[in-house]
Amino acid sequence: MIEKALQARYGDQSLRYAYPLASGVVEQSTDATQRIVTLQTNHGFSVSFAGPREQQSPLGEALMAQSKSSVMLRVNSCGEFEVPISLRRMLVIGTSNSKPHSTKKPAGAPLIPKFANDGAAISRELRNRCTSLPVLAGVMFRDHGQALISEGRFMRAWLLAILIAMAWPAAAADIRVLAAGSLKDPLVAIFADYAKRYGATFSAEWGPSGVLRERLQAGEPFDVFASAALPHAQALTDAGLAGPSVIFARNTLCVVTGAERPYDSGNLVETMLDPGVRIGTSTPTADPAGDYTWEMFHKIDVARPGAFAALSTKAQQLVGGRTNSAPVNGRSRLLIALDDKRIDLFIGYCSGAQQIVREQPNYKSIALPPELSVGPEYGLTVSRKARPDAADFAMYLLSPQGQQSLQAFGFIPVTLPAAP
């Protein structure tokens, strides 16, 4: 089987399998994109090689494709497997922060059915069941008692497990970040910089902070939550789902409008109160940008009683809700509304307004007058169940390098050292 698999994988009929395999170890390289595989024979001969995980997984699948027998795994818990007892082998998984786990089966350990010899399906199932995993440091087989099975059955079991070991660390290695949509551009750049420095990988989801917070409160796993409003992060802290919450950046509100319009900071309040001027905003409660805008309307109402009712009633909540956050055919909903002349101005974050103006000079950004300033303050927290290196990434966001990256995208840093 091994010979046929190797020949099929590499298209070379001269390849031959020469030594019976006794054990194997899969380890994470210092390069996060590489895996190190060490194979040892019954005679004590061993060989180690490294390669990209995207090449190793297809190799494992090609090897598995040659097998006709079924192999079943049991999932005891995140980080533990059990190979059927008939194999008389034990799979030991070492983690970066714990001792190797025994694979003794507890009562009621669930099976993974119908996935025999389907490494990709098993890998997906494991990711679905265990989304917060320790870093896999190695996978190793060891003999337990007599060899009561044929070499072929053991090899099929070994290949199945090594395929899982190659595919699973790729998912386990990701730091899972849920973040406000306004943070997407700076965080993508920060992810790349952090990966170059420390070798981490990330999986991220973007959306309105209030909607993300509700998902996390409902039990969705995460490592880091970066909210456009500190209270949403603090809610997870108060619920015991996350550690302390901190402010890691600030922003301001701006108005985006056509470059030809005669609006400016001095006449902005009168402009917004004009019944003929159509205003676009984000969605309050679901998205902090909407909350900050409503807070600004309340400030106007102090000097102009009735202003809040007038402004909040006519404001078109275009983005930031549960159903209106995604772009339409790759285009921002607020830009569609501006381009189609459905609104005359949009109130949002200055960081986003600056990007719009850079990319589309037919628009301009107007700063709010100082008396209408309302924040915003971005909150950061780390899950109580986060990977160990998630806290390191959170600290990086607060470091001078992270703060400078946020500043480059129009955010206001909060922890940069004072200028000399």
Protein backbone atom coordinates (compact mmCIF):
# COMPACT_ATOMS: atom_id res chain seq x y z
CA MET A 1 0.00 0.00 0.00
CA ILE A 2 2.79 2.42 0.93
CA GLU A 3 4.61 1.79 -2.33
CA LYS A 4 1.46 2.33 -4.38
CA ALA A 5 0.59 5.49 -2.47
CA LEU A 6 4.06 6.95 -2.91
CA GLN A 7 4.12 6.03 -6.57
CA ALA A 8 0.66 7.53 -7.11
CA ARG A 9 1.48 10.71 -5.17
CA TYR A 10 4.73 11.45 -7.00
CA GLY A 11 4.08 9.71 -10.32
CA ASP A 12 7.26 7.66 -9.97
CA GLN A 13 6.91 3.87 -10.29
CA SER A 14 10.53 3.37 -9.13
CA LEU A 15 9.75 4.35 -5.55
CA ARG A 16 9.84 1.45 -3.08
CA TYR A 17 8.89 1.07 0.56
CA ALA A 18 11.86 -0.58 2.23
CA TYR A 19 11.55 -0.50 6.04
CA PRO A 20 8.61 -1.38 8.34
CA LEU A 21 7.56 1.66 10.31
CA ALA A 22 7.63 1.39 14.12
CA SER A 23 6.84 4.94 15.24
CA GLY A 24 6.40 8.45 14.03
CA VAL A 25 6.47 11.95 15.47
CA VAL A 26 4.97 15.12 14.00
CA GLU A 27 6.28 18.38 15.42
CA GLN A 28 5.73 22.07 14.80
CA SER A 29 8.78 23.75 13.31
CA THR A 30 9.93 27.16 14.51
CA ASP A 31 8.54 28.25 11.15
CA ALA A 32 4.76 28.19 11.67
CA THR A 33 4.20 27.13 8.06
CA GLN A 34 6.32 23.99 8.36
CA ARG A 35 5.88 20.59 10.05
CA ILE A 36 8.72 18.25 11.00
CA VAL A 37 8.03 14.52 10.59
CA THR A 38 10.32 11.89 12.14
CA LEU A 39 9.83 8.22 11.20
CA GLN A 40 11.56 5.31 12.95
CA THR A 41 11.80 1.64 11.96
CA ASN A 42 11.81 -1.45 14.15
CA HIS A 43 15.58 -1.60 13.65
CA GLY A 44 16.21 1.82 15.18
CA PHE A 45 16.76 3.64 11.89
CA SER A 46 15.05 7.05 11.78
CA VAL A 47 14.68 9.88 9.31
CA SER A 48 13.34 13.42 9.73
CA PHE A 49 12.07 15.78 7.08
CA ALA A 50 10.19 19.05 6.96
CA GLY A 51 7.72 20.52 4.51
CA PRO A 52 4.80 22.91 4.18
CA ARG A 53 1.64 21.62 5.79
CA GLU A 54 -0.30 22.23 2.56
CA GLN A 55 1.94 19.65 0.85
CA GLN A 56 1.89 17.17 3.71
CA SER A 57 -1.88 16.95 3.93
CA PRO A 58 -2.35 15.98 0.25
CA LEU A 59 0.37 13.37 0.71
CA GLY A 60 -1.51 11.90 3.66
CA GLU A 61 -4.75 11.91 1.67
CA ALA A 62 -3.04 10.14 -1.22
CA LEU A 63 -1.70 7.52 1.13
CA MET A 64 -5.09 7.05 2.74
CA ALA A 65 -6.77 6.73 -0.66
CA GLN A 66 -5.01 3.41 -1.17
CA SER A 67 -6.61 1.88 1.92
CA LYS A 68 -9.75 -0.29 1.69
CA SER A 69 -10.25 -0.90 5.40
CA SER A 70 -12.05 1.32 7.86
CA VAL A 71 -10.29 3.04 10.70
CA MET A 72 -12.27 4.63 13.52
CA LEU A 73 -11.13 7.28 15.97
CA ARG A 74 -12.77 8.34 19.18
CA VAL A 75 -12.66 11.91 20.40
CA ASN A 76 -12.37 11.98 24.18
CA SER A 77 -11.92 15.71 24.52
CA CYS A 78 -10.06 18.54 22.85
CA GLY A 79 -6.49 17.30 22.42
CA GLU A 80 -7.12 13.57 23.05
CA PHE A 81 -7.67 10.68 20.64
CA GLU A 82 -8.16 6.97 21.02
CA VAL A 83 -7.22 4.48 18.35
CA PRO A 84 -9.38 1.32 18.62
CA ILE A 85 -8.05 -1.03 21.28
CA SER A 86 -7.65 -3.81 18.71
CA LEU A 87 -4.67 -1.91 17.37
CA ARG A 88 -2.86 -2.33 20.71
CA ARG A 89 -1.30 1.08 20.19
CA MET A 90 -1.60 4.34 22.08
CA LEU A 91 -1.61 7.79 20.54
CA VAL A 92 -0.05 10.43 22.77
CA ILE A 93 -0.47 14.11 22.02
CA GLY A 94 1.91 16.52 23.72
CA THR A 95 0.91 20.16 24.08
CA SER A 96 2.87 23.33 24.61
CA ASN A 97 1.51 23.78 28.11
CA SER A 98 0.69 20.34 29.45
CA LYS A 99 1.95 16.81 29.88
CA PRO A 100 1.01 14.18 27.29
CA HIS A 101 -2.55 12.92 27.62
CA SER A 102 -3.47 9.28 28.02
CA THR A 103 -6.09 8.03 25.61
CA LYS A 104 -8.04 5.95 28.07
CA LYS A 105 -11.65 6.06 26.91
CA PRO A 106 -14.14 7.64 29.35
CA ALA A 107 -17.71 6.44 29.45
CA GLY A 108 -19.75 7.75 26.56
CA ALA A 109 -16.83 9.03 24.48
CA PRO A 110 -18.41 10.05 21.16
CA LEU A 111 -17.47 8.38 17.91
CA ILE A 112 -16.69 10.10 14.66
CA PRO A 113 -18.88 7.98 12.33
CA LYS A 114 -18.76 7.49 8.58
CA PHE A 115 -15.40 9.18 8.09
CA ALA A 116 -13.21 6.11 7.64
CA ASN A 117 -10.16 6.98 5.57
CA ASP A 118 -11.47 10.52 4.96
CA GLY A 119 -8.83 12.68 6.59
CA ALA A 120 -10.35 15.97 5.44
CA ALA A 121 -13.78 15.10 6.87
CA ILE A 122 -12.30 13.99 10.18
CA SER A 123 -10.21 17.12 10.37
CA ARG A 124 -13.32 19.27 9.78
CA GLU A 125 -15.24 17.35 12.44
CA LEU A 126 -12.46 17.84 14.95
CA ARG A 127 -12.35 21.55 14.26
CA ASN A 128 -16.13 21.76 14.75
CA ARG A 129 -15.98 19.92 18.08
CA CYS A 130 -12.82 21.47 19.47
CA THR A 131 -12.34 25.08 18.52
CA SER A 132 -10.16 26.19 21.45
CA LEU A 133 -7.19 23.85 21.37
CA PRO A 134 -3.71 23.83 22.89
CA VAL A 135 -0.79 24.11 20.52
CA LEU A 136 0.10 20.65 19.26
CA ALA A 137 3.78 20.06 19.94
CA GLY A 138 3.98 16.47 18.73
CA VAL A 139 2.14 13.27 17.88
CA MET A 140 3.70 9.92 18.73
CA PHE A 141 2.78 6.23 18.54
CA ARG A 142 4.14 3.74 21.01
CA ASP A 143 3.86 -0.02 21.27
CA HIS A 144 1.72 -1.44 24.05
CA GLY A 145 2.25 -5.14 24.57
CA GLN A 146 2.11 -7.65 21.75
CA ALA A 147 1.78 -6.73 18.12
CA LEU A 148 -1.56 -8.47 17.51
CA ILE A 149 -2.35 -6.80 14.18
CA SER A 150 -0.93 -6.82 10.73
CA GLU A 151 1.51 -4.18 9.69
CA GLY A 152 -0.92 -3.00 7.03
CA ARG A 153 -3.71 -2.18 9.50
CA PHE A 154 -1.31 -0.33 11.75
CA MET A 155 0.05 1.66 8.83
CA ARG A 156 -3.46 2.72 7.83
CA ALA A 157 -4.20 3.84 11.37
CA TRP A 158 -0.89 5.68 11.55
CA LEU A 159 -1.49 7.44 8.24
CA LEU A 160 -4.94 8.54 9.32
CA ALA A 161 -3.61 9.97 12.58
CA ILE A 162 -0.63 11.71 10.98
CA LEU A 163 -2.99 13.30 8.47
CA ILE A 164 -5.02 14.68 11.36
CA ALA A 165 -1.85 15.84 13.07
CA MET A 166 -0.81 17.72 9.95
CA ALA A 167 -4.18 19.30 9.27
CA TRP A 168 -5.33 20.04 12.82
CA PRO A 169 -2.39 22.16 14.00
CA ALA A 170 -3.08 24.51 11.12
CA ALA A 171 -6.47 25.29 12.66
CA ALA A 172 -5.23 25.10 16.23
CA ALA A 173 -2.37 27.48 15.49
CA ASP A 174 -4.72 30.32 14.58
CA ILE A 175 -5.38 33.04 17.10
CA ARG A 176 -9.12 33.63 16.71
CA VAL A 177 -9.93 37.35 16.71
CA LEU A 178 -13.40 38.88 16.58
CA ALA A 179 -13.19 42.59 15.90
CA ALA A 180 -15.18 45.64 14.94
CA GLY A 181 -15.49 46.17 11.20
CA SER A 182 -13.76 49.54 11.48
CA LEU A 183 -10.62 47.71 12.64
CA LYS A 184 -10.33 45.41 9.63
CA ASP A 185 -7.70 47.31 7.64
CA PRO A 186 -5.34 48.08 10.55
CA LEU A 187 -5.66 44.62 12.08
CA VAL A 188 -4.97 42.85 8.79
CA ALA A 189 -1.74 44.87 8.55
CA ILE A 190 -0.93 44.17 12.21
CA PHE A 191 -1.56 40.43 11.72
CA ALA A 192 1.01 40.39 8.92
CA ASP A 193 3.57 42.29 10.96
CA TYR A 194 3.03 40.12 14.03
CA ALA A 195 3.30 36.94 11.96
CA LYS A 196 6.66 38.06 10.57
CA ARG A 197 7.96 38.77 14.05
CA TYR A 198 6.54 35.82 15.98
CA GLY A 199 5.24 33.26 13.47
CA ALA A 200 1.59 33.27 14.63
CA THR A 201 -1.39 32.84 12.33
CA PHE A 202 -4.84 34.34 12.70
CA SER A 203 -8.47 33.68 11.88
CA ALA A 204 -10.62 36.80 12.12
CA GLU A 205 -14.24 37.82 11.82
CA TRP A 206 -15.42 41.40 11.49
CA GLY A 207 -18.77 42.90 12.31
CA PRO A 208 -20.74 45.32 14.49
CA SER A 209 -19.33 45.09 18.02
CA GLY A 210 -22.72 44.69 19.65
CA VAL A 211 -23.62 41.78 17.39
CA LEU A 212 -20.24 40.12 17.98
CA ARG A 213 -20.58 40.56 21.73
CA GLU A 214 -23.96 38.80 21.71
CA ARG A 215 -22.45 35.87 19.81
CA LEU A 216 -19.63 35.55 22.33
CA GLN A 217 -22.02 35.78 25.27
CA ALA A 218 -23.97 32.92 23.66
CA GLY A 219 -20.88 30.71 23.83
CA GLU A 220 -19.03 31.17 20.54
CA PRO A 221 -15.31 30.50 21.13
CA PHE A 222 -12.76 33.26 20.69
CA ASP A 223 -9.29 34.27 21.78
CA VAL A 224 -9.32 38.07 21.43
CA PHE A 225 -12.24 40.49 21.17
CA ALA A 226 -11.51 44.00 19.88
CA SER A 227 -14.60 46.17 20.19
CA ALA A 228 -15.32 49.67 18.96
CA ALA A 229 -16.72 50.41 22.43
CA LEU A 230 -15.21 49.45 25.77
CA PRO A 231 -18.60 48.47 27.34
CA HIS A 232 -19.01 45.55 24.93
CA ALA A 233 -15.64 44.12 25.94
CA GLN A 234 -16.38 44.84 29.60
CA ALA A 235 -19.63 42.89 29.32
CA LEU A 236 -17.61 39.75 28.58
CA THR A 237 -15.33 40.52 31.51
CA ASP A 238 -18.29 40.97 33.85
CA ALA A 239 -19.80 37.69 32.63
CA GLY A 240 -16.59 35.81 33.47
CA LEU A 241 -15.96 34.98 29.82
CA ALA A 242 -12.88 37.15 29.48
CA GLY A 243 -10.12 38.73 31.50
CA PRO A 244 -9.79 42.46 32.19
CA SER A 245 -10.86 44.87 29.46
CA VAL A 246 -8.75 47.86 28.47
CA ILE A 247 -8.96 50.79 26.07
CA PHE A 248 -6.44 50.25 23.28
CA ALA A 249 -7.37 52.97 20.77
CA ARG A 250 -9.61 55.96 20.25
CA ASN A 251 -11.34 57.40 17.22
CA THR A 252 -13.47 60.41 16.35
CA LEU A 253 -16.65 60.99 14.36
CA CYS A 254 -16.60 62.72 10.98
CA VAL A 255 -19.07 63.52 8.23
CA VAL A 256 -18.50 62.24 4.70
CA THR A 257 -20.19 64.21 1.94
CA GLY A 258 -19.71 65.27 -1.66
CA ALA A 259 -16.67 67.47 -2.22
CA GLU A 260 -18.85 70.01 -4.03
CA ARG A 261 -21.23 70.59 -1.11
CA PRO A 262 -20.80 73.80 0.94
CA TYR A 263 -20.79 72.01 4.28
CA ASP A 264 -18.10 72.60 6.93
CA SER A 265 -17.61 72.30 10.69
CA GLY A 266 -19.02 75.78 11.27
CA ASN A 267 -22.41 75.15 9.63
CA LEU A 268 -22.64 71.42 10.27
CA VAL A 269 -25.31 71.56 12.98
CA GLU A 270 -27.55 73.82 10.89
CA THR A 271 -26.95 71.57 7.91
CA MET A 272 -27.98 68.39 9.75
CA LEU A 273 -31.10 70.06 11.16
CA ASP A 274 -32.18 71.25 7.72
CA PRO A 275 -35.30 69.15 6.92
CA GLY A 276 -34.15 68.79 3.33
CA VAL A 277 -30.77 67.25 4.19
CA ARG A 278 -30.77 63.46 4.24
CA ILE A 279 -28.48 61.82 6.81
CA GLY A 280 -27.01 58.32 6.84
CA THR A 281 -25.76 56.65 10.02
CA SER A 282 -24.83 53.30 11.46
CA THR A 283 -27.23 51.26 13.61
CA PRO A 284 -27.45 52.10 17.34
CA THR A 285 -27.22 49.26 19.89
CA ALA A 286 -25.84 46.82 17.32
CA ASP A 287 -22.94 49.05 16.29
CA PRO A 288 -21.10 51.54 18.53
CA ALA A 289 -20.79 53.99 15.61
CA GLY A 290 -24.56 54.35 15.77
CA ASP A 291 -24.44 54.74 19.56
CA TYR A 292 -21.80 57.47 19.32
CA THR A 293 -23.87 59.25 16.67
CA TRP A 294 -26.98 59.16 18.87
CA GLU A 295 -24.89 60.52 21.74
CA MET A 296 -23.84 63.38 19.49
CA PHE A 297 -27.50 64.03 18.61
CA HIS A 298 -28.24 64.28 22.35
CA LYS A 299 -25.49 66.89 22.72
CA ILE A 300 -27.10 68.96 19.96
CA ASP A 301 -30.44 68.55 21.72
CA VAL A 302 -29.08 70.26 24.85
CA ALA A 303 -28.62 73.49 22.91
CA ARG A 304 -31.45 72.88 20.46
CA PRO A 305 -34.37 71.17 22.24
CA GLY A 306 -36.13 68.78 19.92
CA ALA A 307 -33.01 68.21 17.83
CA PHE A 308 -32.53 64.61 18.96
CA ALA A 309 -36.04 63.61 17.95
CA ALA A 310 -35.68 65.31 14.57
CA LEU A 311 -32.24 63.89 13.78
CA SER A 312 -32.80 60.33 15.04
CA THR A 313 -36.11 60.14 13.17
CA LYS A 314 -34.76 61.13 9.77
CA ALA A 315 -31.44 59.32 10.03
CA GLN A 316 -31.20 56.35 7.64
CA GLN A 317 -29.49 53.46 9.44
CA LEU A 318 -27.56 52.11 6.48
CA VAL A 319 -24.89 49.88 8.05
CA GLY A 320 -23.89 48.21 11.30
CA GLY A 321 -27.01 46.14 11.88
CA ARG A 322 -27.58 42.40 11.92
CA THR A 323 -28.63 42.29 8.28
CA ASN A 324 -27.04 45.34 6.63
CA SER A 325 -23.35 45.04 7.47
CA ALA A 326 -22.08 43.09 4.46
CA PRO A 327 -20.99 44.96 1.32
CA VAL A 328 -23.16 44.73 -1.79
CA ASN A 329 -21.21 43.27 -4.71
CA GLY A 330 -18.03 44.36 -2.96
CA ARG A 331 -19.18 47.95 -2.45
CA SER A 332 -19.81 49.68 0.87
CA ARG A 333 -23.48 50.33 1.51
CA LEU A 334 -22.78 53.88 2.66
CA LEU A 335 -20.86 54.67 -0.55
CA ILE A 336 -23.68 53.21 -2.61
CA ALA A 337 -26.11 55.51 -0.83
CA LEU A 338 -23.84 58.53 -1.39
CA ASP A 339 -23.16 57.66 -5.03
CA ASP A 340 -26.87 57.13 -5.71
CA LYS A 341 -27.74 60.46 -4.01
CA ARG A 342 -30.02 58.71 -1.50
CA ILE A 343 -28.27 60.60 1.30
CA ASP A 344 -26.46 63.94 1.42
CA LEU A 345 -24.01 63.05 4.19
CA PHE A 346 -22.95 60.12 6.32
CA ILE A 347 -21.80 60.22 9.94
CA GLY A 348 -19.14 57.66 10.86
CA TYR A 349 -15.62 57.14 12.13
CA CYS A 350 -12.92 59.54 10.95
CA SER A 351 -10.58 56.60 10.33
CA GLY A 352 -12.98 55.25 7.70
CA ALA A 353 -13.75 58.73 6.34
CA GLN A 354 -10.05 59.34 5.70
CA GLN A 355 -9.80 56.14 3.69
CA ILE A 356 -12.86 57.04 1.61
CA VAL A 357 -11.43 60.46 0.76
CA ARG A 358 -8.03 58.99 -0.14
CA GLU A 359 -9.62 56.52 -2.54
CA GLN A 360 -12.39 58.76 -3.91
CA PRO A 361 -11.47 62.44 -4.18
CA ASN A 362 -15.04 63.35 -5.13
CA TYR A 363 -15.82 63.12 -1.41
CA LYS A 364 -14.60 65.14 1.56
CA SER A 365 -14.43 64.56 5.31
CA ILE A 366 -15.67 67.12 7.81
CA ALA A 367 -14.62 67.05 11.47
CA LEU A 368 -17.29 67.63 14.10
CA PRO A 369 -16.99 70.86 16.09
CA PRO A 370 -15.20 70.28 19.44
CA GLU A 371 -18.37 70.72 21.50
CA LEU A 372 -19.88 67.65 19.81
CA SER A 373 -16.97 65.31 20.53
CA VAL A 374 -18.20 61.94 21.87
CA GLY A 375 -15.28 59.47 22.01
CA PRO A 376 -15.09 56.76 20.60
CA GLU A 377 -13.07 54.40 22.84
CA TYR A 378 -12.12 50.92 21.61
CA GLY A 379 -12.04 48.04 24.10
CA LEU A 380 -9.82 44.94 24.11
CA THR A 381 -10.17 41.72 26.08
CA VAL A 382 -8.84 38.14 26.00
CA SER A 383 -10.97 35.04 26.53
CA ARG A 384 -10.57 33.04 29.75
CA LYS A 385 -10.15 30.01 27.48
CA ALA A 386 -7.77 31.66 25.03
CA ARG A 387 -4.61 30.13 23.63
CA PRO A 388 -1.54 31.13 25.67
CA ASP A 389 -0.17 33.34 22.89
CA ALA A 390 -3.43 35.31 22.55
CA ALA A 391 -2.40 37.47 25.50
CA ASP A 392 0.92 38.15 23.76
CA PHE A 393 -0.94 39.44 20.73
CA ALA A 394 -3.15 41.65 22.91
CA MET A 395 -0.02 43.11 24.46
CA TYR A 396 1.38 43.72 20.99
CA LEU A 397 -1.68 45.85 20.16
CA LEU A 398 -0.77 48.00 23.17
CA SER A 399 2.93 48.11 22.28
CA PRO A 400 4.50 51.07 20.44
CA GLN A 401 4.61 49.00 17.22
CA GLY A 402 0.92 48.10 17.43
CA GLN A 403 -0.12 51.62 18.39
CA GLN A 404 1.86 53.14 15.53
CA SER A 405 0.12 50.79 13.10
CA LEU A 406 -3.29 51.85 14.41
CA GLN A 407 -2.25 55.49 14.15
CA ALA A 408 -1.24 55.00 10.52
CA PHE A 409 -4.85 54.00 9.77
CA GLY A 410 -6.38 57.08 11.38
CA PHE A 411 -6.88 55.84 14.95
CA ILE A 412 -5.76 57.74 18.03
CA PRO A 413 -3.14 55.76 20.00
CA VAL A 414 -3.47 55.55 23.77
CA THR A 415 -0.17 54.01 24.95
CA LEU A 416 2.54 55.59 22.83
CA PRO A 417 5.46 56.97 24.86
CA ALA A 418 5.56 60.73 25.34
CA ALA A 419 7.63 62.60 22.77
CA PRO A 420 11.13 63.51 24.05
